Amino acid sequence: MIFRPAAIIPEDGIQSRTAVYRWMYVVLKPFLILARRISPEHVLTTSVVGDAMLSAVRHGAPRSILNPADIYRLAIISQA
């Protein structure tokens, strides 16, 4: 099973080890938050990705390559 998220917003103070990614998150964070409010199924958080992974293991996944909308739906199933 392959997870292919488009954008992930890190939560709980988690930071990338890569300096360029840390810089990009600082610059792009306001845009990512706005994009998440507009389309939550395309801009995911670390907890949504984690919930989706657990749901995929517990209940299976609709296909072997999961796009952001599939990942979001799996996370919702996990929370139910």
PDB file of N, CA and C in Angstrom:
ATOM      1  N   MET A   1       0.846  -1.167   0.000  1.00  0.00           N
ATOM      2  CA  MET A   1       0.000   0.000   0.000  1.00  0.00           C
ATOM      3  C   MET A   1       0.903   1.245   0.000  1.00  0.00           C
ATOM      4  N   ILE A   2       0.603   2.165  -0.872  1.00  0.00           N
ATOM      5  CA  ILE A   2       1.408   3.373  -1.005  1.00  0.00           C
ATOM      6  C   ILE A   2       0.546   4.585  -0.690  1.00  0.00           C
ATOM      7  N   PHE A   3       0.993   5.402   0.245  1.00  0.00           N
ATOM      8  CA  PHE A   3       0.318   6.653   0.591  1.00  0.00           C
ATOM      9  C   PHE A   3       0.989   7.776  -0.192  1.00  0.00           C
ATOM     10  N   ARG A   4       0.187   8.562  -0.911  1.00  0.00           N
ATOM     11  CA  ARG A   4       0.725   9.667  -1.714  1.00  0.00           C
ATOM     12  C   ARG A   4       0.033  10.973  -1.322  1.00  0.00           C
ATOM     13  N   PRO A   5       0.330  11.519  -0.141  1.00  0.00           N
ATOM     14  CA  PRO A   5      -0.283  12.791   0.262  1.00  0.00           C
ATOM     15  C   PRO A   5       0.289  13.947  -0.552  1.00  0.00           C
ATOM     16  N   ALA A   6      -0.519  14.956  -0.765  1.00  0.00           N
ATOM     17  CA  ALA A   6      -0.064  16.125  -1.521  1.00  0.00           C
ATOM     18  C   ALA A   6       0.707  17.078  -0.613  1.00  0.00           C
ATOM     19  N   ALA A   7       0.129  17.413   0.523  1.00  0.00           N
ATOM     20  CA  ALA A   7       0.763  18.325   1.474  1.00  0.00           C
ATOM     21  C   ALA A   7       0.412  17.866   2.877  1.00  0.00           C
ATOM     22  N   ILE A   8       1.388  17.924   3.771  1.00  0.00           N
ATOM     23  CA  ILE A   8       1.174  17.522   5.158  1.00  0.00           C
ATOM     24  C   ILE A   8       1.580  18.673   6.063  1.00  0.00           C
ATOM     25  N   ILE A   9       0.674  19.054   6.954  1.00  0.00           N
ATOM     26  CA  ILE A   9       0.975  20.084   7.955  1.00  0.00           C
ATOM     27  C   ILE A   9       1.441  19.363   9.218  1.00  0.00           C
ATOM     28  N   PRO A  10       2.673  19.595   9.663  1.00  0.00           N
ATOM     29  CA  PRO A  10       3.156  18.929  10.875  1.00  0.00           C
ATOM     30  C   PRO A  10       2.447  19.487  12.113  1.00  0.00           C
ATOM     31  N   GLU A  11       2.200  18.607  13.072  1.00  0.00           N
ATOM     32  CA  GLU A  11       1.529  19.003  14.311  1.00  0.00           C
ATOM     33  C   GLU A  11       2.416  18.719  15.517  1.00  0.00           C
ATOM     34  N   ASP A  12       2.005  19.226  16.648  1.00  0.00           N
ATOM     35  CA  ASP A  12       2.648  18.955  17.937  1.00  0.00           C
ATOM     36  C   ASP A  12       4.129  19.335  17.962  1.00  0.00           C
ATOM     37  N   GLY A  13       4.491  20.387  17.256  1.00  0.00           N
ATOM     38  CA  GLY A  13       5.863  20.886  17.298  1.00  0.00           C
ATOM     39  C   GLY A  13       6.875  20.056  16.530  1.00  0.00           C
ATOM     40  N   ILE A  14       6.417  19.108  15.750  1.00  0.00           N
ATOM     41  CA  ILE A  14       7.327  18.269  14.969  1.00  0.00           C
ATOM     42  C   ILE A  14       7.956  19.116  13.864  1.00  0.00           C
ATOM     43  N   GLN A  15       9.271  18.957  13.686  1.00  0.00           N
ATOM     44  CA  GLN A  15       9.988  19.685  12.649  1.00  0.00           C
ATOM     45  C   GLN A  15      10.806  18.720  11.816  1.00  0.00           C
ATOM     46  N   SER A  16      10.957  19.044  10.562  1.00  0.00           N
ATOM     47  CA  SER A  16      11.782  18.252   9.663  1.00  0.00           C
ATOM     48  C   SER A  16      13.256  18.417  10.033  1.00  0.00           C
ATOM     49  N   ARG A  17      14.032  17.395   9.752  1.00  0.00           N
ATOM     50  CA  ARG A  17      15.481  17.498   9.960  1.00  0.00           C
ATOM     51  C   ARG A  17      16.146  18.274   8.832  1.00  0.00           C
ATOM     52  N   THR A  18      15.450  18.414   7.724  1.00  0.00           N
ATOM     53  CA  THR A  18      15.988  19.108   6.557  1.00  0.00           C
ATOM     54  C   THR A  18      15.722  20.608   6.685  1.00  0.00           C
ATOM     55  N   ALA A  19      16.766  21.402   6.670  1.00  0.00           N
ATOM     56  CA  ALA A  19      16.650  22.852   6.878  1.00  0.00           C
ATOM     57  C   ALA A  19      15.749  23.517   5.844  1.00  0.00           C
ATOM     58  N   VAL A  20      15.844  23.090   4.604  1.00  0.00           N
ATOM     59  CA  VAL A  20      15.027  23.694   3.549  1.00  0.00           C
ATOM     60  C   VAL A  20      13.541  23.446   3.815  1.00  0.00           C
ATOM     61  N   TYR A  21      13.194  22.238   4.269  1.00  0.00           N
ATOM     62  CA  TYR A  21      11.794  21.942   4.578  1.00  0.00           C
ATOM     63  C   TYR A  21      11.309  22.775   5.752  1.00  0.00           C
ATOM     64  N   ARG A  22      12.141  22.929   6.771  1.00  0.00           N
ATOM     65  CA  ARG A  22      11.745  23.768   7.922  1.00  0.00           C
ATOM     66  C   ARG A  22      11.465  25.188   7.461  1.00  0.00           C
ATOM     67  N   TRP A  23      12.320  25.726   6.612  1.00  0.00           N
ATOM     68  CA  TRP A  23      12.132  27.077   6.083  1.00  0.00           C
ATOM     69  C   TRP A  23      10.856  27.154   5.261  1.00  0.00           C
ATOM     70  N   MET A  24      10.625  26.141   4.417  1.00  0.00           N
ATOM     71  CA  MET A  24       9.421  26.139   3.579  1.00  0.00           C
ATOM     72  C   MET A  24       8.156  26.108   4.427  1.00  0.00           C
ATOM     73  N   TYR A  25       8.150  25.323   5.500  1.00  0.00           N
ATOM     74  CA  TYR A  25       6.966  25.267   6.357  1.00  0.00           C
ATOM     75  C   TYR A  25       6.707  26.606   7.042  1.00  0.00           C
ATOM     76  N   VAL A  26       7.758  27.290   7.440  1.00  0.00           N
ATOM     77  CA  VAL A  26       7.579  28.612   8.057  1.00  0.00           C
ATOM     78  C   VAL A  26       6.949  29.574   7.055  1.00  0.00           C
ATOM     79  N   VAL A  27       7.447  29.568   5.839  1.00  0.00           N
ATOM     80  CA  VAL A  27       6.951  30.492   4.812  1.00  0.00           C
ATOM     81  C   VAL A  27       5.555  30.096   4.334  1.00  0.00           C
ATOM     82  N   LEU A  28       5.317  28.809   4.141  1.00  0.00           N
ATOM     83  CA  LEU A  28       4.068  28.356   3.533  1.00  0.00           C
ATOM     84  C   LEU A  28       2.953  28.029   4.522  1.00  0.00           C
ATOM     85  N   LYS A  29       3.252  27.999   5.815  1.00  0.00           N
ATOM     86  CA  LYS A  29       2.249  27.589   6.798  1.00  0.00           C
ATOM     87  C   LYS A  29       0.935  28.368   6.696  1.00  0.00           C
ATOM     88  N   PRO A  30       0.937  29.707   6.577  1.00  0.00           N
ATOM     89  CA  PRO A  30      -0.353  30.405   6.448  1.00  0.00           C
ATOM     90  C   PRO A  30      -1.155  29.952   5.226  1.00  0.00           C
ATOM     91  N   PHE A  31      -0.477  29.687   4.119  1.00  0.00           N
ATOM     92  CA  PHE A  31      -1.154  29.230   2.911  1.00  0.00           C
ATOM     93  C   PHE A  31      -1.676  27.802   3.068  1.00  0.00           C
ATOM     94  N   LEU A  32      -0.897  26.951   3.742  1.00  0.00           N
ATOM     95  CA  LEU A  32      -1.334  25.583   3.964  1.00  0.00           C
ATOM     96  C   LEU A  32      -2.565  25.534   4.862  1.00  0.00           C
ATOM     97  N   ILE A  33      -2.591  26.374   5.889  1.00  0.00           N
ATOM     98  CA  ILE A  33      -3.743  26.415   6.790  1.00  0.00           C
ATOM     99  C   ILE A  33      -4.980  26.892   6.032  1.00  0.00           C
ATOM    100  N   LEU A  34      -4.825  27.905   5.216  1.00  0.00           N
ATOM    101  CA  LEU A  34      -5.945  28.389   4.409  1.00  0.00           C
ATOM    102  C   LEU A  34      -6.410  27.306   3.428  1.00  0.00           C
ATOM    103  N   ALA A  35      -5.477  26.649   2.772  1.00  0.00           N
ATOM    104  CA  ALA A  35      -5.828  25.590   1.830  1.00  0.00           C
ATOM    105  C   ALA A  35      -6.534  24.442   2.543  1.00  0.00           C
ATOM    106  N   ARG A  36      -6.122  24.147   3.775  1.00  0.00           N
ATOM    107  CA  ARG A  36      -6.772  23.076   4.549  1.00  0.00           C
ATOM    108  C   ARG A  36      -8.211  23.435   4.881  1.00  0.00           C
ATOM    109  N   ARG A  37      -8.471  24.703   5.188  1.00  0.00           N
ATOM    110  CA  ARG A  37      -9.849  25.127   5.470  1.00  0.00           C
ATOM    111  C   ARG A  37     -10.727  25.024   4.225  1.00  0.00           C
ATOM    112  N   ILE A  38     -10.154  25.306   3.080  1.00  0.00           N
ATOM    113  CA  ILE A  38     -10.906  25.236   1.824  1.00  0.00           C
ATOM    114  C   ILE A  38     -11.107  23.787   1.391  1.00  0.00           C
ATOM    115  N   SER A  39     -10.079  22.979   1.498  1.00  0.00           N
ATOM    116  CA  SER A  39     -10.126  21.602   1.000  1.00  0.00           C
ATOM    117  C   SER A  39      -9.381  20.665   1.962  1.00  0.00           C
ATOM    118  N   PRO A  40     -10.026  20.267   3.059  1.00  0.00           N
ATOM    119  CA  PRO A  40      -9.325  19.448   4.056  1.00  0.00           C
ATOM    120  C   PRO A  40      -8.903  18.077   3.555  1.00  0.00           C
ATOM    121  N   GLU A  41      -9.522  17.593   2.486  1.00  0.00           N
ATOM    122  CA  GLU A  41      -9.141  16.276   1.981  1.00  0.00           C
ATOM    123  C   GLU A  41      -7.886  16.298   1.115  1.00  0.00           C
ATOM    124  N   HIS A  42      -7.336  17.482   0.850  1.00  0.00           N
ATOM    125  CA  HIS A  42      -6.117  17.562   0.046  1.00  0.00           C
ATOM    126  C   HIS A  42      -4.896  18.031   0.827  1.00  0.00           C
ATOM    127  N   VAL A  43      -5.102  18.808   1.866  1.00  0.00           N
ATOM    128  CA  VAL A  43      -3.997  19.239   2.727  1.00  0.00           C
ATOM    129  C   VAL A  43      -4.202  18.546   4.068  1.00  0.00           C
ATOM    130  N   LEU A  44      -3.359  17.570   4.355  1.00  0.00           N
ATOM    131  CA  LEU A  44      -3.538  16.702   5.508  1.00  0.00           C
ATOM    132  C   LEU A  44      -2.639  17.107   6.658  1.00  0.00           C
ATOM    133  N   THR A  45      -2.975  16.636   7.851  1.00  0.00           N
ATOM    134  CA  THR A  45      -2.113  16.835   9.014  1.00  0.00           C
ATOM    135  C   THR A  45      -1.429  15.504   9.336  1.00  0.00           C
ATOM    136  N   THR A  46      -0.417  15.560  10.167  1.00  0.00           N
ATOM    137  CA  THR A  46       0.287  14.335  10.534  1.00  0.00           C
ATOM    138  C   THR A  46      -0.649  13.358  11.248  1.00  0.00           C
ATOM    139  N   SER A  47      -1.569  13.860  12.062  1.00  0.00           N
ATOM    140  CA  SER A  47      -2.490  12.960  12.762  1.00  0.00           C
ATOM    141  C   SER A  47      -3.478  12.313  11.791  1.00  0.00           C
ATOM    142  N   VAL A  48      -3.908  13.026  10.758  1.00  0.00           N
ATOM    143  CA  VAL A  48      -4.809  12.447   9.756  1.00  0.00           C
ATOM    144  C   VAL A  48      -4.088  11.321   9.011  1.00  0.00           C
ATOM    145  N   VAL A  49      -2.857  11.541   8.638  1.00  0.00           N
ATOM    146  CA  VAL A  49      -2.092  10.499   7.937  1.00  0.00           C
ATOM    147  C   VAL A  49      -1.910   9.286   8.849  1.00  0.00           C
ATOM    148  N   GLY A  50      -1.591   9.512  10.107  1.00  0.00           N
ATOM    149  CA  GLY A  50      -1.424   8.411  11.057  1.00  0.00           C
ATOM    150  C   GLY A  50      -2.716   7.630  11.261  1.00  0.00           C
ATOM    151  N   ASP A  51      -3.845   8.334  11.424  1.00  0.00           N
ATOM    152  CA  ASP A  51      -5.142   7.666  11.571  1.00  0.00           C
ATOM    153  C   ASP A  51      -5.474   6.848  10.332  1.00  0.00           C
ATOM    154  N   ALA A  52      -5.174   7.385   9.156  1.00  0.00           N
ATOM    155  CA  ALA A  52      -5.442   6.668   7.910  1.00  0.00           C
ATOM    156  C   ALA A  52      -4.595   5.403   7.815  1.00  0.00           C
ATOM    157  N   MET A  53      -3.354   5.478   8.233  1.00  0.00           N
ATOM    158  CA  MET A  53      -2.488   4.296   8.203  1.00  0.00           C
ATOM    159  C   MET A  53      -3.019   3.208   9.128  1.00  0.00           C
ATOM    160  N   LEU A  54      -3.448   3.605  10.318  1.00  0.00           N
ATOM    161  CA  LEU A  54      -4.023   2.626  11.249  1.00  0.00           C
ATOM    162  C   LEU A  54      -5.301   2.024  10.683  1.00  0.00           C
ATOM    163  N   SER A  55      -6.137   2.842  10.091  1.00  0.00           N
ATOM    164  CA  SER A  55      -7.377   2.356   9.493  1.00  0.00           C
ATOM    165  C   SER A  55      -7.104   1.399   8.339  1.00  0.00           C
ATOM    166  N   ALA A  56      -6.091   1.688   7.537  1.00  0.00           N
ATOM    167  CA  ALA A  56      -5.740   0.814   6.415  1.00  0.00           C
ATOM    168  C   ALA A  56      -5.304  -0.558   6.911  1.00  0.00           C
ATOM    169  N   VAL A  57      -4.577  -0.585   8.013  1.00  0.00           N
ATOM    170  CA  VAL A  57      -4.132  -1.863   8.573  1.00  0.00           C
ATOM    171  C   VAL A  57      -5.320  -2.618   9.166  1.00  0.00           C
ATOM    172  N   ARG A  58      -6.181  -1.909   9.867  1.00  0.00           N
ATOM    173  CA  ARG A  58      -7.306  -2.555  10.553  1.00  0.00           C
ATOM    174  C   ARG A  58      -8.427  -2.980   9.607  1.00  0.00           C
ATOM    175  N   HIS A  59      -8.759  -2.134   8.622  1.00  0.00           N
ATOM    176  CA  HIS A  59      -9.947  -2.365   7.800  1.00  0.00           C
ATOM    177  C   HIS A  59      -9.632  -2.578   6.316  1.00  0.00           C
ATOM    178  N   GLY A  60      -8.395  -2.410   5.919  1.00  0.00           N
ATOM    179  CA  GLY A  60      -8.050  -2.500   4.505  1.00  0.00           C
ATOM    180  C   GLY A  60      -8.203  -1.145   3.828  1.00  0.00           C
ATOM    181  N   ALA A  61      -7.778  -1.079   2.594  1.00  0.00           N
ATOM    182  CA  ALA A  61      -7.829   0.173   1.833  1.00  0.00           C
ATOM    183  C   ALA A  61      -8.515  -0.090   0.497  1.00  0.00           C
ATOM    184  N   PRO A  62      -9.107   0.959  -0.093  1.00  0.00           N
ATOM    185  CA  PRO A  62      -9.837   0.769  -1.345  1.00  0.00           C
ATOM    186  C   PRO A  62      -8.951   0.417  -2.544  1.00  0.00           C
ATOM    187  N   ARG A  63      -7.691   0.765  -2.495  1.00  0.00           N
ATOM    188  CA  ARG A  63      -6.757   0.465  -3.596  1.00  0.00           C
ATOM    189  C   ARG A  63      -5.333   0.454  -3.048  1.00  0.00           C
ATOM    190  N   SER A  64      -4.392   0.056  -3.863  1.00  0.00           N
ATOM    191  CA  SER A  64      -3.014  -0.072  -3.373  1.00  0.00           C
ATOM    192  C   SER A  64      -2.263   1.260  -3.363  1.00  0.00           C
ATOM    193  N   ILE A  65      -2.625   2.208  -4.220  1.00  0.00           N
ATOM    194  CA  ILE A  65      -2.019   3.539  -4.209  1.00  0.00           C
ATOM    195  C   ILE A  65      -3.093   4.523  -3.769  1.00  0.00           C
ATOM    196  N   LEU A  66      -2.853   5.184  -2.629  1.00  0.00           N
ATOM    197  CA  LEU A  66      -3.860   6.054  -2.017  1.00  0.00           C
ATOM    198  C   LEU A  66      -3.521   7.516  -2.244  1.00  0.00           C
ATOM    199  N   ASN A  67      -4.440   8.239  -2.850  1.00  0.00           N
ATOM    200  CA  ASN A  67      -4.258   9.674  -3.064  1.00  0.00           C
ATOM    201  C   ASN A  67      -4.749  10.433  -1.820  1.00  0.00           C
ATOM    202  N   PRO A  68      -4.576  11.754  -1.757  1.00  0.00           N
ATOM    203  CA  PRO A  68      -4.957  12.496  -0.556  1.00  0.00           C
ATOM    204  C   PRO A  68      -6.422  12.313  -0.140  1.00  0.00           C
ATOM    205  N   ALA A  69      -7.344  12.274  -1.087  1.00  0.00           N
ATOM    206  CA  ALA A  69      -8.755  12.092  -0.736  1.00  0.00           C
ATOM    207  C   ALA A  69      -9.001  10.717  -0.124  1.00  0.00           C
ATOM    208  N   ASP A  70      -8.331   9.682  -0.646  1.00  0.00           N
ATOM    209  CA  ASP A  70      -8.447   8.337  -0.065  1.00  0.00           C
ATOM    210  C   ASP A  70      -7.899   8.318   1.355  1.00  0.00           C
ATOM    211  N   ILE A  71      -6.774   8.976   1.572  1.00  0.00           N
ATOM    212  CA  ILE A  71      -6.156   9.034   2.897  1.00  0.00           C
ATOM    213  C   ILE A  71      -7.100   9.727   3.879  1.00  0.00           C
ATOM    214  N   TYR A  72      -7.695  10.826   3.448  1.00  0.00           N
ATOM    215  CA  TYR A  72      -8.630  11.568   4.308  1.00  0.00           C
ATOM    216  C   TYR A  72      -9.832  10.689   4.666  1.00  0.00           C
ATOM    217  N   ARG A  73     -10.399   9.977   3.699  1.00  0.00           N
ATOM    218  CA  ARG A  73     -11.550   9.107   3.971  1.00  0.00           C
ATOM    219  C   ARG A  73     -11.182   7.986   4.937  1.00  0.00           C
ATOM    220  N   LEU A  74     -10.003   7.410   4.799  1.00  0.00           N
ATOM    221  CA  LEU A  74      -9.564   6.361   5.727  1.00  0.00           C
ATOM    222  C   LEU A  74      -9.434   6.915   7.150  1.00  0.00           C
ATOM    223  N   ALA A  75      -8.949   8.141   7.273  1.00  0.00           N
ATOM    224  CA  ALA A  75      -8.822   8.755   8.601  1.00  0.00           C
ATOM    225  C   ALA A  75     -10.189   8.959   9.234  1.00  0.00           C
ATOM    226  N   ILE A  76     -11.169   9.356   8.448  1.00  0.00           N
ATOM    227  CA  ILE A  76     -12.531   9.554   8.950  1.00  0.00           C
ATOM    228  C   ILE A  76     -13.102   8.231   9.427  1.00  0.00           C
ATOM    229  N   ILE A  77     -12.855   7.141   8.685  1.00  0.00           N
ATOM    230  CA  ILE A  77     -13.314   5.817   9.085  1.00  0.00           C
ATOM    231  C   ILE A  77     -12.697   5.433  10.417  1.00  0.00           C
ATOM    232  N   SER A  78     -11.419   5.746  10.588  1.00  0.00           N
ATOM    233  CA  SER A  78     -10.710   5.417  11.820  1.00  0.00           C
ATOM    234  C   SER A  78     -11.303   6.114  13.025  1.00  0.00           C
ATOM    235  N   GLN A  79     -11.789   7.326  12.832  1.00  0.00           N
ATOM    236  CA  GLN A  79     -12.340   8.116  13.949  1.00  0.00           C
ATOM    237  C   GLN A  79     -13.765   7.710  14.302  1.00  0.00           C
ATOM    238  N   ALA A  80     -14.432   6.996  13.400  1.00  0.00           N
ATOM    239  CA  ALA A  80     -15.832   6.613  13.644  1.00  0.00           C
ATOM    240  C   ALA A  80     -15.950   5.434  14.578  1.00  0.00           C
TER     241      ALA A  80
END
